[in-house]
N, C-alpha and C. Protein backbone atom coordinates (compact mmCIF):
# COMPACT_ATOMS: atom_id res chain seq x y z
N MET A 1 -17.58 -22.72 27.73
CA MET A 1 -16.22 -22.85 28.23
C MET A 1 -15.84 -24.32 28.30
N ASN A 2 -14.61 -24.67 27.88
CA ASN A 2 -14.14 -26.03 27.99
C ASN A 2 -12.94 -26.10 28.91
N VAL A 3 -12.43 -27.29 29.12
CA VAL A 3 -11.35 -27.47 30.09
C VAL A 3 -10.11 -26.67 29.73
N PHE A 4 -9.87 -26.45 28.41
CA PHE A 4 -8.68 -25.71 28.01
C PHE A 4 -8.80 -24.22 28.33
N ASP A 5 -10.05 -23.71 28.42
CA ASP A 5 -10.24 -22.34 28.86
C ASP A 5 -9.90 -22.17 30.33
N ILE A 6 -10.01 -23.26 31.09
CA ILE A 6 -9.76 -23.21 32.53
C ILE A 6 -8.29 -23.40 32.85
N VAL A 7 -7.67 -24.46 32.29
CA VAL A 7 -6.28 -24.76 32.63
C VAL A 7 -5.29 -24.00 31.76
N GLY A 8 -5.74 -23.48 30.64
CA GLY A 8 -4.87 -22.69 29.79
C GLY A 8 -4.07 -23.54 28.82
N PRO A 9 -3.36 -22.89 27.88
CA PRO A 9 -2.63 -23.61 26.82
C PRO A 9 -1.29 -24.15 27.31
N VAL A 10 -0.74 -25.11 26.55
CA VAL A 10 0.63 -25.53 26.77
C VAL A 10 1.55 -24.43 26.26
N MET A 11 2.43 -23.92 27.12
CA MET A 11 3.16 -22.71 26.75
C MET A 11 4.39 -22.54 27.63
N ILE A 12 5.29 -21.65 27.17
CA ILE A 12 6.36 -21.13 28.00
C ILE A 12 5.82 -19.91 28.71
N GLY A 13 5.96 -19.84 30.06
CA GLY A 13 5.35 -18.78 30.85
C GLY A 13 5.95 -17.41 30.60
N PRO A 14 5.42 -16.40 31.36
CA PRO A 14 4.59 -16.57 32.54
C PRO A 14 3.09 -16.41 32.34
N SER A 15 2.62 -15.91 31.22
CA SER A 15 1.22 -15.51 31.12
C SER A 15 0.60 -16.00 29.83
N SER A 16 -0.58 -16.63 29.93
CA SER A 16 -1.26 -17.09 28.72
C SER A 16 -1.67 -15.91 27.85
N SER A 17 -2.10 -14.82 28.47
CA SER A 17 -2.52 -13.65 27.70
C SER A 17 -1.33 -12.90 27.11
N HIS A 18 -0.30 -12.70 27.93
CA HIS A 18 0.81 -11.85 27.52
C HIS A 18 1.91 -12.62 26.81
N THR A 19 1.89 -13.95 26.90
CA THR A 19 2.94 -14.73 26.27
C THR A 19 2.40 -15.65 25.18
N ALA A 20 1.52 -16.59 25.53
CA ALA A 20 1.00 -17.53 24.53
C ALA A 20 0.22 -16.81 23.44
N GLY A 21 -0.70 -15.93 23.84
CA GLY A 21 -1.47 -15.19 22.85
C GLY A 21 -0.59 -14.32 21.97
N ALA A 22 0.40 -13.68 22.59
CA ALA A 22 1.30 -12.82 21.82
C ALA A 22 2.08 -13.62 20.78
N ALA A 23 2.55 -14.80 21.16
CA ALA A 23 3.29 -15.63 20.21
C ALA A 23 2.40 -16.00 19.02
N ARG A 24 1.13 -16.28 19.26
CA ARG A 24 0.23 -16.64 18.18
C ARG A 24 -0.03 -15.46 17.24
N ILE A 25 -0.10 -14.26 17.78
CA ILE A 25 -0.26 -13.08 16.92
C ILE A 25 0.97 -12.94 16.02
N GLY A 26 2.15 -13.13 16.60
CA GLY A 26 3.37 -13.07 15.80
C GLY A 26 3.42 -14.13 14.72
N LEU A 27 2.95 -15.33 15.03
CA LEU A 27 2.92 -16.42 14.05
C LEU A 27 2.03 -16.07 12.86
N ILE A 28 0.88 -15.46 13.12
CA ILE A 28 -0.01 -15.09 12.02
C ILE A 28 0.63 -14.01 11.16
N ALA A 29 1.28 -13.04 11.78
CA ALA A 29 1.96 -12.00 11.00
C ALA A 29 3.03 -12.62 10.10
N ARG A 30 3.81 -13.56 10.63
CA ARG A 30 4.83 -14.23 9.83
C ARG A 30 4.21 -14.99 8.66
N ALA A 31 3.11 -15.70 8.93
CA ALA A 31 2.45 -16.47 7.87
C ALA A 31 1.95 -15.57 6.76
N LEU A 32 1.41 -14.43 7.12
CA LEU A 32 0.88 -13.52 6.10
C LEU A 32 1.99 -12.86 5.29
N LEU A 33 3.16 -12.62 5.90
CA LEU A 33 4.27 -12.08 5.12
C LEU A 33 4.75 -13.10 4.11
N GLY A 34 4.75 -14.37 4.51
CA GLY A 34 5.11 -15.44 3.58
C GLY A 34 6.60 -15.63 3.36
N ALA A 35 7.42 -14.94 4.13
CA ALA A 35 8.88 -15.04 4.01
C ALA A 35 9.48 -14.55 5.31
N PRO A 36 10.75 -14.90 5.59
CA PRO A 36 11.37 -14.37 6.81
C PRO A 36 11.41 -12.85 6.80
N ALA A 37 11.12 -12.26 7.94
CA ALA A 37 11.15 -10.80 8.05
C ALA A 37 12.57 -10.32 8.30
N VAL A 38 12.87 -9.13 7.78
CA VAL A 38 14.15 -8.50 8.08
C VAL A 38 13.96 -7.30 9.01
N THR A 39 12.74 -6.74 9.03
CA THR A 39 12.41 -5.69 9.99
C THR A 39 11.06 -5.99 10.61
N ALA A 40 10.93 -5.63 11.89
CA ALA A 40 9.66 -5.79 12.61
C ALA A 40 9.42 -4.54 13.44
N ASP A 41 8.36 -3.83 13.10
CA ASP A 41 7.94 -2.66 13.88
C ASP A 41 6.74 -3.09 14.72
N ILE A 42 6.89 -3.07 16.04
CA ILE A 42 5.86 -3.57 16.95
C ILE A 42 5.37 -2.42 17.82
N ARG A 43 4.08 -2.14 17.75
CA ARG A 43 3.46 -1.11 18.59
C ARG A 43 2.54 -1.80 19.60
N LEU A 44 2.72 -1.48 20.87
CA LEU A 44 1.99 -2.14 21.95
C LEU A 44 1.00 -1.17 22.59
N HIS A 45 -0.21 -1.67 22.81
CA HIS A 45 -1.31 -0.85 23.32
C HIS A 45 -1.74 -1.36 24.70
N GLY A 46 -2.16 -0.46 25.56
CA GLY A 46 -2.77 -0.82 26.83
C GLY A 46 -1.82 -1.55 27.76
N SER A 47 -2.30 -2.66 28.34
CA SER A 47 -1.48 -3.39 29.30
C SER A 47 -0.27 -4.03 28.64
N PHE A 48 -0.36 -4.35 27.36
CA PHE A 48 0.82 -4.84 26.64
C PHE A 48 1.95 -3.82 26.75
N ALA A 49 1.62 -2.53 26.57
CA ALA A 49 2.64 -1.49 26.60
C ALA A 49 3.22 -1.31 28.00
N LYS A 50 2.40 -1.54 29.02
CA LYS A 50 2.83 -1.27 30.39
C LYS A 50 3.65 -2.40 30.99
N THR A 51 3.38 -3.64 30.58
CA THR A 51 3.97 -4.79 31.29
C THR A 51 4.77 -5.72 30.37
N TYR A 52 5.05 -5.32 29.15
CA TYR A 52 5.59 -6.28 28.19
C TYR A 52 6.95 -6.84 28.59
N ARG A 53 7.78 -6.05 29.25
CA ARG A 53 9.10 -6.57 29.64
C ARG A 53 8.96 -7.61 30.75
N GLY A 54 8.17 -7.32 31.76
CA GLY A 54 8.02 -8.24 32.88
C GLY A 54 7.31 -9.52 32.51
N HIS A 55 6.36 -9.45 31.57
CA HIS A 55 5.59 -10.62 31.18
C HIS A 55 6.14 -11.32 29.94
N GLY A 56 7.20 -10.78 29.37
CA GLY A 56 7.81 -11.43 28.21
C GLY A 56 7.02 -11.29 26.93
N THR A 57 6.15 -10.29 26.85
CA THR A 57 5.35 -10.11 25.64
C THR A 57 6.22 -9.81 24.43
N ASP A 58 7.26 -9.01 24.63
CA ASP A 58 8.16 -8.70 23.53
C ASP A 58 8.84 -9.96 23.00
N LYS A 59 9.30 -10.82 23.93
CA LYS A 59 9.95 -12.06 23.52
C LYS A 59 8.97 -12.98 22.79
N ALA A 60 7.72 -13.02 23.27
CA ALA A 60 6.72 -13.89 22.67
C ALA A 60 6.34 -13.43 21.27
N LEU A 61 6.14 -12.14 21.09
CA LEU A 61 5.80 -11.62 19.76
C LEU A 61 6.92 -11.90 18.77
N VAL A 62 8.15 -11.65 19.19
CA VAL A 62 9.29 -11.88 18.30
C VAL A 62 9.46 -13.37 18.03
N ALA A 63 9.21 -14.21 19.04
CA ALA A 63 9.28 -15.66 18.83
C ALA A 63 8.31 -16.10 17.75
N GLY A 64 7.07 -15.59 17.81
CA GLY A 64 6.09 -15.91 16.77
C GLY A 64 6.53 -15.44 15.40
N ILE A 65 7.10 -14.25 15.33
CA ILE A 65 7.59 -13.71 14.06
C ILE A 65 8.70 -14.60 13.50
N LEU A 66 9.47 -15.23 14.39
CA LEU A 66 10.53 -16.15 13.97
C LEU A 66 10.00 -17.55 13.67
N GLY A 67 8.71 -17.77 13.91
CA GLY A 67 8.11 -19.07 13.59
C GLY A 67 7.99 -20.02 14.76
N MET A 68 8.19 -19.54 15.98
CA MET A 68 8.09 -20.39 17.17
C MET A 68 6.66 -20.43 17.70
N LYS A 69 6.25 -21.59 18.19
CA LYS A 69 4.96 -21.75 18.84
C LYS A 69 5.08 -21.40 20.32
N PRO A 70 3.94 -21.19 21.01
CA PRO A 70 3.99 -20.77 22.42
C PRO A 70 4.72 -21.73 23.35
N ASP A 71 4.83 -23.02 22.98
CA ASP A 71 5.50 -23.98 23.86
C ASP A 71 6.95 -24.23 23.48
N ASP A 72 7.50 -23.42 22.58
CA ASP A 72 8.88 -23.59 22.14
C ASP A 72 9.83 -23.07 23.23
N ALA A 73 10.72 -23.92 23.70
CA ALA A 73 11.64 -23.54 24.78
C ALA A 73 12.57 -22.39 24.38
N ARG A 74 12.74 -22.16 23.08
CA ARG A 74 13.62 -21.07 22.62
C ARG A 74 12.97 -19.71 22.78
N LEU A 75 11.67 -19.67 23.13
CA LEU A 75 10.94 -18.40 23.22
C LEU A 75 11.66 -17.41 24.13
N ARG A 76 12.21 -17.87 25.23
CA ARG A 76 12.87 -16.97 26.18
C ARG A 76 14.09 -16.29 25.56
N ASP A 77 14.67 -16.90 24.54
CA ASP A 77 15.88 -16.36 23.91
C ASP A 77 15.60 -15.73 22.56
N SER A 78 14.33 -15.42 22.29
CA SER A 78 13.96 -14.99 20.94
C SER A 78 14.62 -13.69 20.52
N LEU A 79 14.82 -12.76 21.45
CA LEU A 79 15.43 -11.48 21.07
C LEU A 79 16.87 -11.68 20.61
N THR A 80 17.59 -12.55 21.30
CA THR A 80 18.96 -12.87 20.90
C THR A 80 18.97 -13.61 19.57
N LEU A 81 18.05 -14.56 19.40
CA LEU A 81 17.97 -15.32 18.16
C LEU A 81 17.59 -14.42 16.98
N ALA A 82 16.73 -13.44 17.23
CA ALA A 82 16.35 -12.50 16.18
C ALA A 82 17.56 -11.69 15.72
N GLN A 83 18.36 -11.25 16.68
CA GLN A 83 19.56 -10.48 16.33
C GLN A 83 20.51 -11.32 15.48
N LYS A 84 20.68 -12.59 15.84
CA LYS A 84 21.55 -13.48 15.07
C LYS A 84 21.01 -13.72 13.67
N ALA A 85 19.66 -13.70 13.54
CA ALA A 85 19.03 -13.93 12.25
C ALA A 85 18.98 -12.67 11.38
N GLY A 86 19.43 -11.53 11.92
CA GLY A 86 19.41 -10.30 11.16
C GLY A 86 18.08 -9.58 11.14
N LEU A 87 17.23 -9.88 12.12
CA LEU A 87 15.92 -9.23 12.21
C LEU A 87 16.04 -7.97 13.06
N ALA A 88 15.81 -6.82 12.45
CA ALA A 88 15.85 -5.54 13.16
C ALA A 88 14.48 -5.27 13.77
N ILE A 89 14.44 -5.02 15.08
CA ILE A 89 13.18 -4.90 15.80
C ILE A 89 13.05 -3.52 16.43
N THR A 90 11.87 -2.92 16.27
CA THR A 90 11.52 -1.69 16.97
C THR A 90 10.26 -1.96 17.78
N ILE A 91 10.30 -1.66 19.07
CA ILE A 91 9.14 -1.85 19.94
C ILE A 91 8.83 -0.52 20.62
N MET A 92 7.57 -0.06 20.47
CA MET A 92 7.17 1.22 21.04
C MET A 92 5.75 1.13 21.56
N PRO A 93 5.43 1.89 22.61
CA PRO A 93 4.03 1.98 23.05
C PRO A 93 3.22 2.79 22.06
N ALA A 94 1.93 2.55 22.01
CA ALA A 94 1.04 3.26 21.09
C ALA A 94 -0.36 3.29 21.68
N VAL A 95 -1.15 4.22 21.21
CA VAL A 95 -2.57 4.28 21.56
C VAL A 95 -3.34 3.93 20.30
N LEU A 96 -4.03 2.77 20.33
CA LEU A 96 -4.76 2.29 19.17
C LEU A 96 -6.26 2.45 19.44
N GLU A 97 -6.94 3.06 18.52
CA GLU A 97 -8.35 3.40 18.71
C GLU A 97 -9.21 2.15 18.84
N ASN A 98 -10.08 2.16 19.86
CA ASN A 98 -11.06 1.08 20.09
C ASN A 98 -10.41 -0.30 20.17
N ALA A 99 -9.21 -0.38 20.72
CA ALA A 99 -8.48 -1.64 20.77
C ALA A 99 -8.60 -2.29 22.14
N HIS A 100 -8.56 -3.61 22.16
CA HIS A 100 -8.50 -4.40 23.38
C HIS A 100 -7.22 -4.02 24.15
N PRO A 101 -7.24 -4.08 25.49
CA PRO A 101 -6.03 -3.69 26.24
C PRO A 101 -4.78 -4.48 25.90
N ASN A 102 -4.93 -5.73 25.48
CA ASN A 102 -3.76 -6.55 25.13
C ASN A 102 -3.62 -6.61 23.61
N THR A 103 -3.27 -5.50 22.99
CA THR A 103 -3.22 -5.43 21.53
C THR A 103 -1.82 -5.06 21.05
N ALA A 104 -1.43 -5.71 19.96
CA ALA A 104 -0.16 -5.39 19.29
C ALA A 104 -0.44 -5.11 17.82
N LEU A 105 0.24 -4.12 17.29
CA LEU A 105 0.21 -3.82 15.86
C LEU A 105 1.61 -4.11 15.33
N ILE A 106 1.70 -5.11 14.45
CA ILE A 106 2.98 -5.58 13.94
C ILE A 106 3.08 -5.27 12.45
N THR A 107 4.16 -4.61 12.05
CA THR A 107 4.44 -4.38 10.64
C THR A 107 5.76 -5.05 10.30
N LEU A 108 5.70 -5.99 9.36
CA LEU A 108 6.88 -6.75 8.96
C LEU A 108 7.28 -6.41 7.53
N MET A 109 8.57 -6.50 7.25
CA MET A 109 9.08 -6.36 5.88
C MET A 109 10.08 -7.46 5.63
N ASP A 110 10.02 -8.06 4.41
CA ASP A 110 10.99 -9.09 4.05
C ASP A 110 12.13 -8.49 3.23
N ALA A 111 13.06 -9.33 2.82
CA ALA A 111 14.25 -8.87 2.10
C ALA A 111 13.92 -8.29 0.74
N GLN A 112 12.76 -8.63 0.19
CA GLN A 112 12.35 -8.11 -1.12
C GLN A 112 11.55 -6.81 -1.02
N GLY A 113 11.32 -6.34 0.20
CA GLY A 113 10.58 -5.11 0.40
C GLY A 113 9.08 -5.29 0.55
N HIS A 114 8.61 -6.55 0.56
CA HIS A 114 7.19 -6.80 0.77
C HIS A 114 6.84 -6.57 2.24
N THR A 115 5.68 -6.01 2.50
CA THR A 115 5.29 -5.70 3.87
C THR A 115 3.91 -6.26 4.19
N VAL A 116 3.66 -6.44 5.48
CA VAL A 116 2.33 -6.80 5.95
C VAL A 116 2.15 -6.15 7.32
N SER A 117 0.92 -5.72 7.58
CA SER A 117 0.58 -5.12 8.86
C SER A 117 -0.54 -5.94 9.49
N VAL A 118 -0.36 -6.34 10.75
CA VAL A 118 -1.33 -7.17 11.45
C VAL A 118 -1.59 -6.57 12.83
N GLN A 119 -2.86 -6.33 13.13
CA GLN A 119 -3.25 -5.89 14.48
C GLN A 119 -4.04 -7.00 15.13
N GLY A 120 -3.58 -7.44 16.31
CA GLY A 120 -4.25 -8.53 16.99
C GLY A 120 -4.26 -8.35 18.48
N ALA A 121 -5.24 -8.96 19.13
CA ALA A 121 -5.38 -8.87 20.58
C ALA A 121 -5.33 -10.26 21.20
N SER A 122 -4.71 -10.35 22.37
CA SER A 122 -4.73 -11.56 23.17
C SER A 122 -5.88 -11.42 24.16
N VAL A 123 -6.90 -12.23 23.99
CA VAL A 123 -8.17 -12.00 24.70
C VAL A 123 -8.36 -12.90 25.91
N GLY A 124 -7.33 -13.66 26.29
CA GLY A 124 -7.40 -14.47 27.49
C GLY A 124 -7.21 -15.94 27.23
N GLY A 125 -6.50 -16.61 28.12
CA GLY A 125 -6.30 -18.04 28.00
C GLY A 125 -5.52 -18.47 26.78
N GLY A 126 -4.73 -17.57 26.23
CA GLY A 126 -3.97 -17.87 25.02
C GLY A 126 -4.75 -17.67 23.74
N ASN A 127 -6.04 -17.32 23.86
CA ASN A 127 -6.87 -17.07 22.67
C ASN A 127 -6.57 -15.68 22.10
N ILE A 128 -6.73 -15.57 20.79
CA ILE A 128 -6.44 -14.30 20.12
C ILE A 128 -7.59 -13.90 19.21
N LEU A 129 -7.57 -12.63 18.82
CA LEU A 129 -8.46 -12.13 17.78
C LEU A 129 -7.68 -11.12 16.95
N VAL A 130 -7.37 -11.48 15.71
CA VAL A 130 -6.74 -10.54 14.78
C VAL A 130 -7.85 -9.69 14.17
N THR A 131 -7.71 -8.37 14.31
CA THR A 131 -8.79 -7.45 13.92
C THR A 131 -8.49 -6.63 12.67
N ARG A 132 -7.21 -6.56 12.27
CA ARG A 132 -6.87 -5.81 11.07
C ARG A 132 -5.70 -6.45 10.34
N VAL A 133 -5.81 -6.50 9.02
CA VAL A 133 -4.71 -6.91 8.15
C VAL A 133 -4.53 -5.81 7.12
N ASN A 134 -3.36 -5.23 7.08
CA ASN A 134 -3.08 -4.10 6.17
C ASN A 134 -4.12 -2.99 6.31
N GLY A 135 -4.55 -2.77 7.55
CA GLY A 135 -5.50 -1.70 7.84
C GLY A 135 -6.95 -2.04 7.60
N MET A 136 -7.23 -3.22 7.04
CA MET A 136 -8.60 -3.62 6.75
C MET A 136 -9.14 -4.53 7.86
N ALA A 137 -10.40 -4.33 8.21
CA ALA A 137 -11.00 -5.05 9.33
C ALA A 137 -11.17 -6.54 9.00
N VAL A 138 -10.75 -7.40 9.93
CA VAL A 138 -10.92 -8.84 9.81
C VAL A 138 -11.32 -9.39 11.18
N GLU A 139 -11.66 -10.67 11.22
CA GLU A 139 -11.89 -11.36 12.49
C GLU A 139 -11.30 -12.76 12.36
N ILE A 140 -10.09 -12.92 12.85
CA ILE A 140 -9.38 -14.20 12.75
C ILE A 140 -9.05 -14.67 14.16
N THR A 141 -9.57 -15.84 14.52
CA THR A 141 -9.35 -16.37 15.87
C THR A 141 -8.23 -17.39 15.92
N GLY A 142 -7.89 -17.98 14.78
CA GLY A 142 -6.90 -19.04 14.77
C GLY A 142 -7.43 -20.38 15.26
N GLN A 143 -8.74 -20.47 15.51
CA GLN A 143 -9.33 -21.71 16.02
C GLN A 143 -9.82 -22.63 14.91
N TYR A 144 -9.90 -22.11 13.68
CA TYR A 144 -10.35 -22.89 12.53
C TYR A 144 -9.27 -22.83 11.44
N THR A 145 -9.31 -23.80 10.54
CA THR A 145 -8.53 -23.66 9.32
C THR A 145 -9.05 -22.43 8.58
N THR A 146 -8.14 -21.53 8.22
CA THR A 146 -8.55 -20.22 7.69
C THR A 146 -7.79 -19.88 6.42
N LEU A 147 -8.51 -19.39 5.42
CA LEU A 147 -7.88 -18.79 4.24
C LEU A 147 -7.99 -17.28 4.36
N ILE A 148 -6.88 -16.59 4.17
CA ILE A 148 -6.86 -15.13 4.14
C ILE A 148 -6.45 -14.72 2.74
N VAL A 149 -7.38 -14.16 2.00
CA VAL A 149 -7.18 -13.91 0.57
C VAL A 149 -7.17 -12.41 0.31
N LEU A 150 -6.01 -11.89 -0.07
CA LEU A 150 -5.90 -10.50 -0.52
C LEU A 150 -6.18 -10.46 -2.02
N HIS A 151 -7.02 -9.51 -2.45
CA HIS A 151 -7.43 -9.52 -3.86
C HIS A 151 -7.89 -8.14 -4.30
N HIS A 152 -7.97 -7.96 -5.60
CA HIS A 152 -8.58 -6.76 -6.15
C HIS A 152 -10.09 -6.84 -5.96
N ASP A 153 -10.68 -5.73 -5.59
CA ASP A 153 -12.14 -5.68 -5.41
C ASP A 153 -12.80 -5.62 -6.78
N ALA A 154 -12.97 -6.81 -7.38
CA ALA A 154 -13.51 -6.90 -8.74
C ALA A 154 -14.67 -7.89 -8.76
N PRO A 155 -15.68 -7.65 -9.61
CA PRO A 155 -16.82 -8.56 -9.68
C PRO A 155 -16.40 -9.99 -9.99
N GLY A 156 -17.02 -10.94 -9.31
CA GLY A 156 -16.78 -12.35 -9.57
C GLY A 156 -15.67 -12.98 -8.75
N THR A 157 -14.86 -12.16 -8.03
CA THR A 157 -13.73 -12.71 -7.30
C THR A 157 -14.17 -13.58 -6.13
N ILE A 158 -15.14 -13.09 -5.36
CA ILE A 158 -15.64 -13.87 -4.22
C ILE A 158 -16.25 -15.18 -4.72
N ALA A 159 -17.05 -15.08 -5.78
CA ALA A 159 -17.70 -16.28 -6.32
C ALA A 159 -16.67 -17.30 -6.79
N ALA A 160 -15.60 -16.83 -7.42
CA ALA A 160 -14.58 -17.76 -7.92
C ALA A 160 -13.91 -18.50 -6.77
N VAL A 161 -13.62 -17.79 -5.68
CA VAL A 161 -12.95 -18.41 -4.53
C VAL A 161 -13.89 -19.41 -3.85
N THR A 162 -15.13 -18.99 -3.58
CA THR A 162 -16.06 -19.88 -2.88
C THR A 162 -16.47 -21.06 -3.75
N GLU A 163 -16.53 -20.88 -5.07
CA GLU A 163 -16.84 -22.00 -5.96
C GLU A 163 -15.72 -23.03 -5.96
N GLU A 164 -14.48 -22.57 -5.89
CA GLU A 164 -13.34 -23.49 -5.80
C GLU A 164 -13.44 -24.35 -4.55
N MET A 165 -13.87 -23.75 -3.45
CA MET A 165 -14.00 -24.49 -2.21
C MET A 165 -15.23 -25.39 -2.22
N SER A 166 -16.31 -24.92 -2.80
CA SER A 166 -17.52 -25.73 -2.89
C SER A 166 -17.29 -26.97 -3.74
N ARG A 167 -16.51 -26.81 -4.81
CA ARG A 167 -16.22 -27.92 -5.71
C ARG A 167 -15.52 -29.07 -4.98
N ARG A 168 -14.80 -28.72 -3.90
CA ARG A 168 -14.07 -29.71 -3.13
C ARG A 168 -14.85 -30.19 -1.91
N GLY A 169 -16.07 -29.72 -1.76
CA GLY A 169 -16.89 -30.14 -0.64
C GLY A 169 -16.52 -29.51 0.68
N VAL A 170 -15.90 -28.32 0.64
CA VAL A 170 -15.48 -27.63 1.86
C VAL A 170 -16.67 -26.86 2.43
N ASN A 171 -16.88 -26.98 3.73
CA ASN A 171 -17.97 -26.26 4.39
C ASN A 171 -17.43 -25.00 5.06
N ILE A 172 -17.89 -23.84 4.61
CA ILE A 172 -17.47 -22.55 5.17
C ILE A 172 -18.32 -22.25 6.39
N CYS A 173 -17.66 -22.02 7.53
CA CYS A 173 -18.41 -21.71 8.75
C CYS A 173 -18.43 -20.21 9.07
N ASN A 174 -17.43 -19.48 8.61
CA ASN A 174 -17.41 -18.02 8.80
C ASN A 174 -16.77 -17.36 7.59
N PHE A 175 -17.35 -16.24 7.17
CA PHE A 175 -16.83 -15.50 6.02
C PHE A 175 -16.92 -14.02 6.33
N ARG A 176 -15.86 -13.28 6.00
CA ARG A 176 -15.88 -11.83 6.16
C ARG A 176 -15.11 -11.18 5.03
N LEU A 177 -15.64 -10.06 4.53
CA LEU A 177 -14.98 -9.29 3.47
C LEU A 177 -14.77 -7.87 3.96
N SER A 178 -13.57 -7.35 3.69
CA SER A 178 -13.28 -5.96 3.99
C SER A 178 -12.49 -5.37 2.84
N ARG A 179 -12.69 -4.11 2.57
CA ARG A 179 -11.95 -3.46 1.48
C ARG A 179 -11.55 -2.05 1.86
N ALA A 180 -10.44 -1.61 1.32
CA ALA A 180 -9.96 -0.27 1.59
C ALA A 180 -10.86 0.76 0.91
N GLN A 181 -11.28 0.47 -0.31
CA GLN A 181 -12.18 1.34 -1.06
C GLN A 181 -12.75 0.55 -2.23
N LYS A 182 -13.84 1.01 -2.79
CA LYS A 182 -14.45 0.33 -3.92
C LYS A 182 -13.47 0.26 -5.08
N GLY A 183 -13.27 -0.97 -5.58
CA GLY A 183 -12.36 -1.17 -6.69
C GLY A 183 -10.90 -1.25 -6.31
N GLY A 184 -10.60 -1.13 -5.00
CA GLY A 184 -9.22 -1.18 -4.54
C GLY A 184 -8.83 -2.57 -4.05
N THR A 185 -8.00 -2.61 -3.03
CA THR A 185 -7.59 -3.88 -2.45
C THR A 185 -8.59 -4.32 -1.40
N ALA A 186 -8.88 -5.61 -1.36
CA ALA A 186 -9.82 -6.16 -0.39
C ALA A 186 -9.22 -7.41 0.23
N VAL A 187 -9.79 -7.82 1.34
CA VAL A 187 -9.35 -9.06 1.98
C VAL A 187 -10.59 -9.86 2.39
N MET A 188 -10.61 -11.12 2.02
CA MET A 188 -11.65 -12.01 2.52
C MET A 188 -11.02 -13.03 3.45
N THR A 189 -11.67 -13.25 4.57
CA THR A 189 -11.22 -14.28 5.51
C THR A 189 -12.30 -15.36 5.56
N ILE A 190 -11.86 -16.60 5.36
CA ILE A 190 -12.77 -17.73 5.25
C ILE A 190 -12.35 -18.79 6.24
N GLU A 191 -13.17 -19.04 7.25
CA GLU A 191 -12.92 -20.11 8.21
C GLU A 191 -13.77 -21.31 7.82
N VAL A 192 -13.17 -22.51 7.88
CA VAL A 192 -13.86 -23.70 7.41
C VAL A 192 -13.85 -24.78 8.48
N ASP A 193 -14.81 -25.70 8.36
CA ASP A 193 -14.84 -26.87 9.23
C ASP A 193 -13.82 -27.89 8.73
N GLY A 194 -13.03 -28.43 9.64
CA GLY A 194 -12.08 -29.46 9.26
C GLY A 194 -10.85 -28.90 8.59
N ALA A 195 -10.13 -29.77 7.92
CA ALA A 195 -8.88 -29.39 7.26
C ALA A 195 -9.12 -29.11 5.78
N LEU A 196 -8.14 -28.49 5.15
CA LEU A 196 -8.17 -28.25 3.71
C LEU A 196 -7.04 -29.03 3.05
N GLU A 197 -7.28 -29.51 1.84
CA GLU A 197 -6.21 -30.14 1.09
C GLU A 197 -5.11 -29.11 0.82
N PRO A 198 -3.85 -29.53 0.86
CA PRO A 198 -2.75 -28.57 0.73
C PRO A 198 -2.79 -27.73 -0.54
N ASP A 199 -3.34 -28.28 -1.64
CA ASP A 199 -3.30 -27.55 -2.90
C ASP A 199 -4.43 -26.52 -3.04
N VAL A 200 -5.37 -26.49 -2.08
CA VAL A 200 -6.46 -25.51 -2.17
C VAL A 200 -5.91 -24.10 -2.20
N ASN A 201 -4.95 -23.83 -1.32
CA ASN A 201 -4.40 -22.49 -1.22
C ASN A 201 -3.74 -22.05 -2.52
N SER A 202 -2.94 -22.93 -3.13
CA SER A 202 -2.26 -22.58 -4.38
C SER A 202 -3.25 -22.39 -5.52
N CYS A 203 -4.33 -23.18 -5.53
CA CYS A 203 -5.35 -23.02 -6.57
C CYS A 203 -6.08 -21.69 -6.43
N VAL A 204 -6.40 -21.32 -5.21
CA VAL A 204 -7.05 -20.03 -4.97
C VAL A 204 -6.13 -18.89 -5.40
N GLU A 205 -4.85 -19.03 -5.10
CA GLU A 205 -3.89 -17.97 -5.42
C GLU A 205 -3.77 -17.72 -6.93
N LYS A 206 -4.09 -18.73 -7.74
CA LYS A 206 -4.00 -18.60 -9.19
C LYS A 206 -5.24 -18.00 -9.83
N LEU A 207 -6.30 -17.80 -9.04
CA LEU A 207 -7.55 -17.27 -9.59
C LEU A 207 -7.38 -15.80 -10.00
N PRO A 208 -8.15 -15.35 -11.00
CA PRO A 208 -8.07 -13.95 -11.42
C PRO A 208 -8.35 -12.99 -10.26
N ASN A 209 -7.59 -11.91 -10.22
CA ASN A 209 -7.73 -10.82 -9.25
C ASN A 209 -7.20 -11.14 -7.84
N VAL A 210 -6.76 -12.38 -7.61
CA VAL A 210 -6.22 -12.74 -6.32
C VAL A 210 -4.75 -12.33 -6.25
N LEU A 211 -4.38 -11.56 -5.22
CA LEU A 211 -3.00 -11.11 -5.04
C LEU A 211 -2.19 -12.12 -4.22
N SER A 212 -2.81 -12.67 -3.20
CA SER A 212 -2.14 -13.69 -2.39
C SER A 212 -3.18 -14.42 -1.57
N SER A 213 -2.85 -15.65 -1.22
CA SER A 213 -3.71 -16.44 -0.36
C SER A 213 -2.84 -17.16 0.67
N THR A 214 -3.25 -17.07 1.92
CA THR A 214 -2.50 -17.71 3.00
C THR A 214 -3.43 -18.63 3.76
N MET A 215 -2.99 -19.87 3.96
CA MET A 215 -3.79 -20.83 4.71
C MET A 215 -3.19 -20.99 6.10
N LEU A 216 -4.02 -20.80 7.13
CA LEU A 216 -3.60 -20.96 8.51
C LEU A 216 -4.24 -22.21 9.08
N ALA A 217 -3.43 -23.07 9.68
CA ALA A 217 -3.97 -24.23 10.39
C ALA A 217 -4.44 -23.77 11.77
N PRO A 218 -5.37 -24.50 12.38
CA PRO A 218 -5.81 -24.12 13.73
C PRO A 218 -4.63 -24.08 14.69
N MET A 219 -4.64 -23.10 15.59
CA MET A 219 -3.54 -22.93 16.54
C MET A 219 -3.95 -23.47 17.91
């Protein structure tokens, strides 16, 4: 535990778990969509579902989807700002299997019809754990520079991505692969020590069998 675990993150209140963490989950969903969302379907599980209005969880999630960080003063007005931006929002309670009590399942769609689904939990002190992307199991904390690579489950794809990073002297500290089915769509999440050069993401995205690559800076 460090001092930031004790005093909590810099944020707009009232709750690090229900507000700061929620905003970060929304930010990751926005980053993975890669474009402004026009619809947002938000399902809330556990205590998120019970207290989201009083704790501002709905405002925080929408703020993240709009690209706001937890300390953005506009967070309190995010629902109004979303309406002005043309973002249609649906928020409903849900029961999610084996989920942390502070869990949200967010499905976004952009103007071109592209969609992304992100399930994440706020685990305390503003910290988060994203556990599913498009239904596939992941473990994304947002504490490291992270590449999230959607790709076809084809031989040589993992090697091509990791070789690109090795060639640049990047040290991988965490790696996870998940796939919907053999030969189908898969997702690899790669957390690295330090920062990545801006062009790493675009180079990875051009590799064979890669559908998309998203680089997340530490939050």
